[in-house]
């Protein structure tokens, strides 16, 4: 049985904005739609991207420290619950998976900022 990957690849649903280019180490603010009871609101989640999984069912994981506890959330790229993603700052890392940040706290968990190119 052969599967055509183009059939599996889901485009972003209509009415959803395109996501900006970002990578592991970048600090992003994700606005996610959250349903509480009968109302829906936008919940911001800002943190460092520690992983990006490509492909038809791609997703990315964002990590932040909240009240001294590490919190990670994984967002699918094609989720209708994903409202917008904005890049707060660009990080300079040499890995595609930043799982080593899980064992670090405070200043040790910081990611260097990438130098900006002037045009």
Foldseek 3Di string as FASTA:
>chain_A
DDDDQVVLADDADPPADAADDAAFQFWKWWWFWDDDPPDIDTDIDIATWQAWDDGRFIWTKGWDADPNRIDIDIDTNRDPRTRYMDTPFHFDDDDRGNPVLNVDDDPVNHTHGDDDDDD
